[in-house]
Amino acid sequence: MAKLPVANKHVQIDRTQSTMLAIIIAASVVTIFCLMSAKALLSQAAYQRRVTNANHAAVKQLQANVTAAKELVTQYNQVFEGTNPSNIIGGKNDKSANAVPPNGDNARIVLDALPSKYDFPALLTSVTKLLVNNGISNAQVTGTDESASINNDASANPKPVQMQLIISGTGSYQSVQNFIKDLERSIRPFDVVSLQISGPQDNLSFSLTVNTYYQPAKTLNIVTKEIK
């Protein structure tokens, strides 16, 4: 048998090694490509899963909102669209825009019960008018005007804010009683904290401390969310 020269053996070995090296490099490239592709596919799948979950959550919330809106309409009709001749504060159930408290429809009474702005000067004017209408003399309405520091900005979860007044004056027993009844029938709530009365029945002096409230407007926060 003929034997290959040593030089030819080296050539064949070099070729074999080169072929193996090329195969190894090609296999490595393919492996790296497959790993990177798998990583990209897994990342894309995870993203699609997050998007799907977010869509399901949005649909669920939307369905809950639709149900709540329908319930609100039903409750509104039951409370505010009745045919009762009297409203919830004992006045005439009058939907006219010119109706004066205690007259007025229930919907407007509820909406107007708590002003959405801090309105200290207007509040003093309203209470003073009640005093004058009931024949109270020496009428005084005092309190702390915080208009310069109050924040009237609307918020997603507004809370009622308390305002305190001290009301005083002089009048007959009947006129003082009528004034207090007017506070009770007022669309705006007044909580009596203290009441001091002195003097004869036809010339009573009184001092009344009350708390009333306003509530900033509510905002509906509709936001968009980016899924990453």
C-alpha atoms as a PDB file:
ATOM      1  CA  MET A   1       0.000   0.000   0.000  1.00  0.00           C
ATOM      2  CA  ALA A   2       1.252   3.461  -0.894  1.00  0.00           C
ATOM      3  CA  LYS A   3       1.810   5.832   1.943  1.00  0.00           C
ATOM      4  CA  LEU A   4       0.983   9.562   1.779  1.00  0.00           C
ATOM      5  CA  PRO A   5       3.848  11.894   2.229  1.00  0.00           C
ATOM      6  CA  VAL A   6       4.021  13.649   5.578  1.00  0.00           C
ATOM      7  CA  ALA A   7       3.371  17.020   3.916  1.00  0.00           C
ATOM      8  CA  ASN A   8       0.126  15.744   2.369  1.00  0.00           C
ATOM      9  CA  LYS A   9      -1.005  14.452   5.760  1.00  0.00           C
ATOM     10  CA  HIS A  10      -0.475  17.912   7.241  1.00  0.00           C
ATOM     11  CA  VAL A  11      -2.480  19.457   4.426  1.00  0.00           C
ATOM     12  CA  GLN A  12      -5.366  17.066   4.989  1.00  0.00           C
ATOM     13  CA  ILE A  13      -5.267  17.701   8.749  1.00  0.00           C
ATOM     14  CA  ASP A  14      -5.271  21.477   8.192  1.00  0.00           C
ATOM     15  CA  ARG A  15      -8.233  21.156   5.819  1.00  0.00           C
ATOM     16  CA  THR A  16     -10.099  18.973   8.267  1.00  0.00           C
ATOM     17  CA  GLN A  17      -9.424  21.427  11.097  1.00  0.00           C
ATOM     18  CA  SER A  18     -10.507  24.344   8.921  1.00  0.00           C
ATOM     19  CA  THR A  19     -13.715  22.530   8.012  1.00  0.00           C
ATOM     20  CA  MET A  20     -14.431  21.723  11.661  1.00  0.00           C
ATOM     21  CA  LEU A  21     -13.694  25.294  12.678  1.00  0.00           C
ATOM     22  CA  ALA A  22     -16.052  26.599  10.002  1.00  0.00           C
ATOM     23  CA  ILE A  23     -18.742  24.163  11.143  1.00  0.00           C
ATOM     24  CA  ILE A  24     -18.244  25.213  14.787  1.00  0.00           C
ATOM     25  CA  ILE A  25     -18.430  28.911  13.862  1.00  0.00           C
ATOM     26  CA  ALA A  26     -21.544  28.346  11.759  1.00  0.00           C
ATOM     27  CA  ALA A  27     -23.147  26.330  14.561  1.00  0.00           C
ATOM     28  CA  SER A  28     -22.281  29.052  17.077  1.00  0.00           C
ATOM     29  CA  VAL A  29     -23.790  31.732  14.843  1.00  0.00           C
ATOM     30  CA  VAL A  30     -26.934  29.683  14.363  1.00  0.00           C
ATOM     31  CA  THR A  31     -27.142  29.003  18.115  1.00  0.00           C
ATOM     32  CA  ILE A  32     -26.702  32.677  18.997  1.00  0.00           C
ATOM     33  CA  PHE A  33     -29.280  33.668  16.394  1.00  0.00           C
ATOM     34  CA  CYS A  34     -31.729  31.104  17.766  1.00  0.00           C
ATOM     35  CA  LEU A  35     -31.172  32.287  21.344  1.00  0.00           C
ATOM     36  CA  MET A  36     -31.650  35.939  20.373  1.00  0.00           C
ATOM     37  CA  SER A  37     -34.749  35.057  18.341  1.00  0.00           C
ATOM     38  CA  ALA A  38     -36.153  33.046  21.240  1.00  0.00           C
ATOM     39  CA  LYS A  39     -35.495  35.944  23.616  1.00  0.00           C
ATOM     40  CA  ALA A  40     -37.218  38.381  21.236  1.00  0.00           C
ATOM     41  CA  LEU A  41     -40.182  36.039  20.833  1.00  0.00           C
ATOM     42  CA  LEU A  42     -40.502  35.547  24.601  1.00  0.00           C
ATOM     43  CA  SER A  43     -40.294  39.307  25.137  1.00  0.00           C
ATOM     44  CA  GLN A  44     -42.924  39.906  22.456  1.00  0.00           C
ATOM     45  CA  ALA A  45     -45.164  37.226  23.974  1.00  0.00           C
ATOM     46  CA  ALA A  46     -44.839  38.806  27.425  1.00  0.00           C
ATOM     47  CA  TYR A  47     -45.696  42.221  25.961  1.00  0.00           C
ATOM     48  CA  GLN A  48     -48.736  40.837  24.163  1.00  0.00           C
ATOM     49  CA  ARG A  49     -49.830  39.177  27.417  1.00  0.00           C
ATOM     50  CA  ARG A  50     -49.561  42.493  29.273  1.00  0.00           C
ATOM     51  CA  VAL A  51     -51.535  44.234  26.518  1.00  0.00           C
ATOM     52  CA  THR A  52     -54.226  41.548  26.633  1.00  0.00           C
ATOM     53  CA  ASN A  53     -54.476  41.749  30.429  1.00  0.00           C
ATOM     54  CA  ALA A  54     -54.723  45.544  30.269  1.00  0.00           C
ATOM     55  CA  ASN A  55     -57.465  45.302  27.619  1.00  0.00           C
ATOM     56  CA  HIS A  56     -59.404  42.841  29.763  1.00  0.00           C
ATOM     57  CA  ALA A  57     -59.071  45.154  32.793  1.00  0.00           C
ATOM     58  CA  ALA A  58     -60.233  48.145  30.721  1.00  0.00           C
ATOM     59  CA  VAL A  59     -63.243  46.234  29.379  1.00  0.00           C
ATOM     60  CA  LYS A  60     -64.134  45.055  32.886  1.00  0.00           C
ATOM     61  CA  GLN A  61     -63.930  48.619  34.224  1.00  0.00           C
ATOM     62  CA  LEU A  62     -65.987  49.924  31.310  1.00  0.00           C
ATOM     63  CA  GLN A  63     -68.682  47.327  31.965  1.00  0.00           C
ATOM     64  CA  ALA A  64     -68.716  48.306  35.652  1.00  0.00           C
ATOM     65  CA  ASN A  65     -69.022  51.984  34.676  1.00  0.00           C
ATOM     66  CA  VAL A  66     -71.936  51.266  32.335  1.00  0.00           C
ATOM     67  CA  THR A  67     -73.714  49.307  35.080  1.00  0.00           C
ATOM     68  CA  ALA A  68     -73.092  52.104  37.606  1.00  0.00           C
ATOM     69  CA  ALA A  69     -74.381  54.715  35.141  1.00  0.00           C
ATOM     70  CA  LYS A  70     -77.605  52.773  34.609  1.00  0.00           C
ATOM     71  CA  GLU A  71     -78.089  52.406  38.371  1.00  0.00           C
ATOM     72  CA  LEU A  72     -77.463  56.135  38.819  1.00  0.00           C
ATOM     73  CA  VAL A  73     -80.105  57.001  36.215  1.00  0.00           C
ATOM     74  CA  THR A  74     -82.592  54.693  37.957  1.00  0.00           C
ATOM     75  CA  GLN A  75     -81.867  56.186  41.365  1.00  0.00           C
ATOM     76  CA  TYR A  76     -82.029  59.718  39.973  1.00  0.00           C
ATOM     77  CA  ASN A  77     -85.458  59.056  38.475  1.00  0.00           C
ATOM     78  CA  GLN A  78     -86.699  57.539  41.730  1.00  0.00           C
ATOM     79  CA  VAL A  79     -85.495  60.426  43.893  1.00  0.00           C
ATOM     80  CA  PHE A  80     -85.709  63.486  41.663  1.00  0.00           C
ATOM     81  CA  GLU A  81     -88.386  62.779  39.071  1.00  0.00           C
ATOM     82  CA  GLY A  82     -91.252  62.019  41.435  1.00  0.00           C
ATOM     83  CA  THR A  83     -94.660  63.724  41.252  1.00  0.00           C
ATOM     84  CA  ASN A  84     -94.772  64.672  44.934  1.00  0.00           C
ATOM     85  CA  PRO A  85     -96.000  68.288  45.232  1.00  0.00           C
ATOM     86  CA  SER A  86     -93.442  68.948  48.001  1.00  0.00           C
ATOM     87  CA  ASN A  87     -89.683  68.814  47.760  1.00  0.00           C
ATOM     88  CA  ILE A  88     -87.262  67.294  50.282  1.00  0.00           C
ATOM     89  CA  ILE A  89     -87.040  70.477  52.381  1.00  0.00           C
ATOM     90  CA  GLY A  90     -90.797  71.037  52.596  1.00  0.00           C
ATOM     91  CA  GLY A  91     -91.203  73.633  49.870  1.00  0.00           C
ATOM     92  CA  LYS A  92     -93.116  73.453  46.617  1.00  0.00           C
ATOM     93  CA  ASN A  93     -91.763  71.008  44.037  1.00  0.00           C
ATOM     94  CA  ASP A  94     -91.148  73.700  41.432  1.00  0.00           C
ATOM     95  CA  LYS A  95     -88.785  73.155  38.464  1.00  0.00           C
ATOM     96  CA  SER A  96     -88.951  76.797  37.440  1.00  0.00           C
ATOM     97  CA  ALA A  97     -85.577  78.534  37.178  1.00  0.00           C
ATOM     98  CA  ASN A  98     -87.057  81.422  39.178  1.00  0.00           C
ATOM     99  CA  ALA A  99     -88.084  79.250  42.153  1.00  0.00           C
ATOM    100  CA  VAL A 100     -86.837  80.644  45.464  1.00  0.00           C
ATOM    101  CA  PRO A 101     -85.983  78.362  48.435  1.00  0.00           C
ATOM    102  CA  PRO A 102     -87.592  76.537  50.071  1.00  0.00           C
ATOM    103  CA  ASN A 103     -89.351  76.032  46.698  1.00  0.00           C
ATOM    104  CA  GLY A 104     -87.551  74.183  43.935  1.00  0.00           C
ATOM    105  CA  ASP A 105     -87.127  70.715  42.517  1.00  0.00           C
ATOM    106  CA  ASN A 106     -85.111  68.120  44.400  1.00  0.00           C
ATOM    107  CA  ALA A 107     -82.388  67.841  41.764  1.00  0.00           C
ATOM    108  CA  ARG A 108     -81.481  71.516  41.982  1.00  0.00           C
ATOM    109  CA  ILE A 109     -81.725  71.487  45.774  1.00  0.00           C
ATOM    110  CA  VAL A 110     -79.198  68.671  46.020  1.00  0.00           C
ATOM    111  CA  LEU A 111     -76.850  70.186  43.427  1.00  0.00           C
ATOM    112  CA  ASP A 112     -76.994  73.611  45.087  1.00  0.00           C
ATOM    113  CA  ALA A 113     -76.683  72.302  48.648  1.00  0.00           C
ATOM    114  CA  LEU A 114     -72.892  72.572  48.684  1.00  0.00           C
ATOM    115  CA  PRO A 115     -71.376  75.350  46.537  1.00  0.00           C
ATOM    116  CA  SER A 116     -68.282  74.296  44.609  1.00  0.00           C
ATOM    117  CA  LYS A 117     -66.431  77.500  45.445  1.00  0.00           C
ATOM    118  CA  TYR A 118     -65.455  79.210  48.666  1.00  0.00           C
ATOM    119  CA  ASP A 119     -67.990  82.046  48.752  1.00  0.00           C
ATOM    120  CA  PHE A 120     -67.630  83.805  52.110  1.00  0.00           C
ATOM    121  CA  PRO A 121     -68.923  87.251  51.005  1.00  0.00           C
ATOM    122  CA  ALA A 122     -71.947  85.678  49.264  1.00  0.00           C
ATOM    123  CA  LEU A 123     -72.623  83.548  52.354  1.00  0.00           C
ATOM    124  CA  LEU A 124     -72.654  86.639  54.611  1.00  0.00           C
ATOM    125  CA  THR A 125     -75.025  88.373  52.199  1.00  0.00           C
ATOM    126  CA  SER A 126     -77.421  85.409  52.146  1.00  0.00           C
ATOM    127  CA  VAL A 127     -77.560  85.045  55.934  1.00  0.00           C
ATOM    128  CA  THR A 128     -77.948  88.801  56.394  1.00  0.00           C
ATOM    129  CA  LYS A 129     -80.900  88.756  53.987  1.00  0.00           C
ATOM    130  CA  LEU A 130     -82.576  86.044  56.082  1.00  0.00           C
ATOM    131  CA  LEU A 131     -82.087  88.163  59.187  1.00  0.00           C
ATOM    132  CA  VAL A 132     -83.583  91.241  57.531  1.00  0.00           C
ATOM    133  CA  ASN A 133     -86.520  89.292  56.067  1.00  0.00           C
ATOM    134  CA  ASN A 134     -87.414  88.079  59.561  1.00  0.00           C
ATOM    135  CA  GLY A 135     -87.263  91.522  61.131  1.00  0.00           C
ATOM    136  CA  ILE A 136     -84.077  90.954  63.146  1.00  0.00           C
ATOM    137  CA  SER A 137     -82.495  94.234  64.226  1.00  0.00           C
ATOM    138  CA  ASN A 138     -78.852  94.929  65.146  1.00  0.00           C
ATOM    139  CA  ALA A 139     -78.016  91.966  62.913  1.00  0.00           C
ATOM    140  CA  GLN A 140     -74.394  90.891  62.711  1.00  0.00           C
ATOM    141  CA  VAL A 141     -72.809  88.011  60.845  1.00  0.00           C
ATOM    142  CA  THR A 142     -69.124  87.437  61.502  1.00  0.00           C
ATOM    143  CA  GLY A 143     -66.521  84.836  60.613  1.00  0.00           C
ATOM    144  CA  THR A 144     -63.047  84.430  59.198  1.00  0.00           C
ATOM    145  CA  ASP A 145     -62.708  85.194  55.511  1.00  0.00           C
ATOM    146  CA  GLU A 146     -60.090  82.824  54.096  1.00  0.00           C
ATOM    147  CA  SER A 147     -60.615  83.726  50.435  1.00  0.00           C
ATOM    148  CA  ALA A 148     -56.917  84.535  49.974  1.00  0.00           C
ATOM    149  CA  SER A 149     -55.703  81.115  51.131  1.00  0.00           C
ATOM    150  CA  ILE A 150     -58.466  78.712  50.116  1.00  0.00           C
ATOM    151  CA  ASN A 151     -57.802  76.326  47.223  1.00  0.00           C
ATOM    152  CA  ASN A 152     -60.886  76.032  45.001  1.00  0.00           C
ATOM    153  CA  ASP A 153     -59.317  73.681  42.470  1.00  0.00           C
ATOM    154  CA  ALA A 154     -61.399  70.710  41.404  1.00  0.00           C
ATOM    155  CA  SER A 155     -60.168  67.291  42.483  1.00  0.00           C
ATOM    156  CA  ALA A 156     -60.948  63.624  41.914  1.00  0.00           C
ATOM    157  CA  ASN A 157     -62.067  63.086  45.542  1.00  0.00           C
ATOM    158  CA  PRO A 158     -63.390  66.391  46.926  1.00  0.00           C
ATOM    159  CA  LYS A 159     -64.371  66.652  50.581  1.00  0.00           C
ATOM    160  CA  PRO A 160     -66.738  69.144  52.248  1.00  0.00           C
ATOM    161  CA  VAL A 161     -64.911  72.091  53.812  1.00  0.00           C
ATOM    162  CA  GLN A 162     -66.337  73.646  56.973  1.00  0.00           C
ATOM    163  CA  MET A 163     -67.054  77.355  57.377  1.00  0.00           C
ATOM    164  CA  GLN A 164     -68.118  78.766  60.763  1.00  0.00           C
ATOM    165  CA  LEU A 165     -70.275  81.842  61.348  1.00  0.00           C
ATOM    166  CA  ILE A 166     -71.402  83.715  64.439  1.00  0.00           C
ATOM    167  CA  ILE A 167     -74.843  85.271  63.933  1.00  0.00           C
ATOM    168  CA  SER A 168     -76.372  87.700  66.401  1.00  0.00           C
ATOM    169  CA  GLY A 169     -79.250  90.165  66.596  1.00  0.00           C
ATOM    170  CA  THR A 170     -82.384  91.254  68.419  1.00  0.00           C
ATOM    171  CA  GLY A 171     -86.011  90.471  67.710  1.00  0.00           C
ATOM    172  CA  SER A 172     -89.229  89.012  69.028  1.00  0.00           C
ATOM    173  CA  TYR A 173     -89.471  85.358  69.989  1.00  0.00           C
ATOM    174  CA  GLN A 174     -91.449  84.661  66.801  1.00  0.00           C
ATOM    175  CA  SER A 175     -88.954  86.433  64.522  1.00  0.00           C
ATOM    176  CA  VAL A 176     -85.984  84.602  66.063  1.00  0.00           C
ATOM    177  CA  GLN A 177     -87.843  81.306  65.753  1.00  0.00           C
ATOM    178  CA  ASN A 178     -88.690  82.017  62.108  1.00  0.00           C
ATOM    179  CA  PHE A 179     -85.069  82.868  61.345  1.00  0.00           C
ATOM    180  CA  ILE A 180     -83.853  79.570  62.800  1.00  0.00           C
ATOM    181  CA  LYS A 181     -86.537  77.709  60.822  1.00  0.00           C
ATOM    182  CA  ASP A 182     -85.297  79.414  57.664  1.00  0.00           C
ATOM    183  CA  LEU A 183     -81.805  78.096  58.401  1.00  0.00           C
ATOM    184  CA  GLU A 184     -83.277  74.616  58.818  1.00  0.00           C
ATOM    185  CA  ARG A 185     -85.138  74.871  55.499  1.00  0.00           C
ATOM    186  CA  SER A 186     -82.161  76.310  53.650  1.00  0.00           C
ATOM    187  CA  ILE A 187     -80.848  74.396  50.645  1.00  0.00           C
ATOM    188  CA  ARG A 188     -77.384  74.879  52.095  1.00  0.00           C
ATOM    189  CA  PRO A 189     -76.904  72.896  55.334  1.00  0.00           C
ATOM    190  CA  PHE A 190     -76.350  74.765  58.593  1.00  0.00           C
ATOM    191  CA  ASP A 191     -75.297  72.878  61.724  1.00  0.00           C
ATOM    192  CA  VAL A 192     -76.087  74.757  64.934  1.00  0.00           C
ATOM    193  CA  VAL A 193     -73.111  74.555  67.292  1.00  0.00           C
ATOM    194  CA  SER A 194     -74.419  76.796  70.064  1.00  0.00           C
ATOM    195  CA  LEU A 195     -77.312  79.160  70.763  1.00  0.00           C
ATOM    196  CA  GLN A 196     -77.551  81.804  73.475  1.00  0.00           C
ATOM    197  CA  ILE A 197     -80.777  83.761  74.083  1.00  0.00           C
ATOM    198  CA  SER A 198     -81.483  86.461  76.659  1.00  0.00           C
ATOM    199  CA  GLY A 199     -84.051  89.174  77.316  1.00  0.00           C
ATOM    200  CA  PRO A 200     -87.843  89.459  77.299  1.00  0.00           C
ATOM    201  CA  GLN A 201     -89.939  87.534  74.773  1.00  0.00           C
ATOM    202  CA  ASP A 202     -90.712  90.602  72.672  1.00  0.00           C
ATOM    203  CA  ASN A 203     -87.077  91.745  72.511  1.00  0.00           C
ATOM    204  CA  LEU A 204     -84.794  88.722  72.565  1.00  0.00           C
ATOM    205  CA  SER A 205     -81.068  89.033  72.020  1.00  0.00           C
ATOM    206  CA  PHE A 206     -79.453  85.955  70.562  1.00  0.00           C
ATOM    207  CA  SER A 207     -76.057  84.710  69.476  1.00  0.00           C
ATOM    208  CA  LEU A 208     -75.927  81.707  67.204  1.00  0.00           C
ATOM    209  CA  THR A 209     -72.817  79.782  66.131  1.00  0.00           C
ATOM    210  CA  VAL A 210     -73.296  77.642  63.026  1.00  0.00           C
ATOM    211  CA  ASN A 211     -71.167  75.557  60.711  1.00  0.00           C
ATOM    212  CA  THR A 212     -71.858  75.441  57.005  1.00  0.00           C
ATOM    213  CA  TYR A 213     -69.899  73.917  54.155  1.00  0.00           C
ATOM    214  CA  TYR A 214     -68.772  74.067  50.562  1.00  0.00           C
ATOM    215  CA  GLN A 215     -67.268  71.298  48.443  1.00  0.00           C
ATOM    216  CA  PRO A 216     -64.838  71.783  45.539  1.00  0.00           C
ATOM    217  CA  ALA A 217     -65.921  70.459  42.183  1.00  0.00           C
ATOM    218  CA  LYS A 218     -65.168  66.877  41.215  1.00  0.00           C
ATOM    219  CA  THR A 219     -63.081  65.997  38.190  1.00  0.00           C
ATOM    220  CA  LEU A 220     -63.244  62.827  36.118  1.00  0.00           C
ATOM    221  CA  ASN A 221     -59.703  61.641  35.570  1.00  0.00           C
ATOM    222  CA  ILE A 222     -59.602  59.915  32.191  1.00  0.00           C
ATOM    223  CA  VAL A 223     -56.061  58.779  31.568  1.00  0.00           C
ATOM    224  CA  THR A 224     -54.197  56.776  28.968  1.00  0.00           C
ATOM    225  CA  LYS A 225     -51.704  54.100  29.958  1.00  0.00           C
ATOM    226  CA  GLU A 226     -48.711  53.035  27.935  1.00  0.00           C
ATOM    227  CA  ILE A 227     -47.986  49.319  28.042  1.00  0.00           C
ATOM    228  CA  LYS A 228     -44.260  48.640  28.059  1.00  0.00           C
END
